[in-house]
Amino acid sequence: MKSSFKIGDYVTWNSEAGHVSGTITKIHTKDFDYKGYIHHATPDDPQYEIKSSKTDHIAVHKGGALKKGHQ
């Protein structure tokens, strides 16, 4: 599954707190350590770092959890 998202895209996702939105700031295409946890990613199944539009919180998600949003 190829990525349909790029850095700068505005996206939404579901969290425990409800719908959240933000901007993609980084795309990972290989396994990486984030806050002490190994996140698995490949070029065909990347993980995205997204900065929340309401807070400075950074979330990490796979593309299947994200939807393109509107600012």
Protein backbone atom coordinates (compact mmCIF):
# COMPACT_ATOMS: atom_id res chain seq x y z
CA MET A 1 0.00 0.00 0.00
CA LYS A 2 1.70 3.19 -1.15
CA SER A 3 1.46 6.37 0.87
CA SER A 4 -1.15 8.85 -0.22
CA PHE A 5 -0.04 11.39 2.39
CA LYS A 6 2.86 13.82 2.31
CA ILE A 7 4.50 16.26 4.71
CA GLY A 8 2.25 19.27 5.16
CA ASP A 9 -1.01 17.37 4.58
CA TYR A 10 -3.80 18.20 7.01
CA VAL A 11 -5.32 14.96 8.34
CA THR A 12 -7.83 13.74 10.93
CA TRP A 13 -7.90 10.58 13.06
CA ASN A 14 -9.82 9.07 15.93
CA SER A 15 -8.35 9.00 19.42
CA GLU A 16 -9.62 8.19 22.89
CA ALA A 17 -10.62 11.87 23.11
CA GLY A 18 -12.59 11.81 19.83
CA HIS A 19 -11.67 13.21 16.43
CA VAL A 20 -8.30 14.93 16.29
CA SER A 21 -6.71 16.85 13.44
CA GLY A 22 -3.26 18.06 12.59
CA THR A 23 -0.50 18.38 10.03
CA ILE A 24 1.94 15.67 8.97
CA THR A 25 5.46 16.75 9.95
CA LYS A 26 7.50 13.61 9.25
CA ILE A 27 7.18 10.30 7.39
CA HIS A 28 9.01 7.20 8.66
CA THR A 29 9.78 4.41 6.20
CA LYS A 30 11.83 2.19 8.53
CA ASP A 31 11.50 1.11 12.16
CA PHE A 32 12.13 3.92 14.62
CA ASP A 33 12.18 4.60 18.36
CA TYR A 34 9.68 7.20 19.58
CA LYS A 35 9.32 7.90 23.29
CA GLY A 36 10.90 4.56 24.17
CA TYR A 37 8.77 2.42 21.85
CA ILE A 38 9.80 0.84 18.57
CA HIS A 39 7.33 1.70 15.80
CA HIS A 40 7.43 -0.51 12.73
CA ALA A 41 7.38 1.12 9.32
CA THR A 42 8.42 0.27 5.76
CA PRO A 43 8.38 2.21 2.49
CA ASP A 44 5.13 0.39 1.61
CA ASP A 45 3.58 0.87 5.07
CA PRO A 46 4.99 4.10 6.54
CA GLN A 47 4.17 5.74 9.84
CA TYR A 48 3.42 9.44 10.08
CA GLU A 49 4.23 12.00 12.76
CA ILE A 50 1.39 14.50 13.04
CA LYS A 51 1.34 17.71 15.07
CA SER A 52 -2.08 18.36 16.57
CA SER A 53 -3.75 21.53 15.37
CA LYS A 54 -5.03 22.27 18.91
CA THR A 55 -1.97 21.43 21.02
CA ASP A 56 1.72 20.82 20.48
CA HIS A 57 1.12 17.06 20.90
CA ILE A 58 2.81 14.82 18.34
CA ALA A 59 0.98 11.62 17.37
CA VAL A 60 2.33 8.70 15.33
CA HIS A 61 -0.04 6.72 13.10
CA LYS A 62 -0.09 4.46 10.07
CA GLY A 63 -1.88 5.70 6.98
CA GLY A 64 -4.89 3.44 7.56
CA ALA A 65 -5.81 5.46 10.66
CA LEU A 66 -5.70 8.81 8.84
CA LYS A 67 -8.12 10.68 6.60
CA LYS A 68 -7.39 13.84 4.66
CA GLY A 69 -9.08 16.76 6.37
CA HIS A 70 -9.92 20.37 5.67
CA GLN A 71 -8.47 23.27 7.61
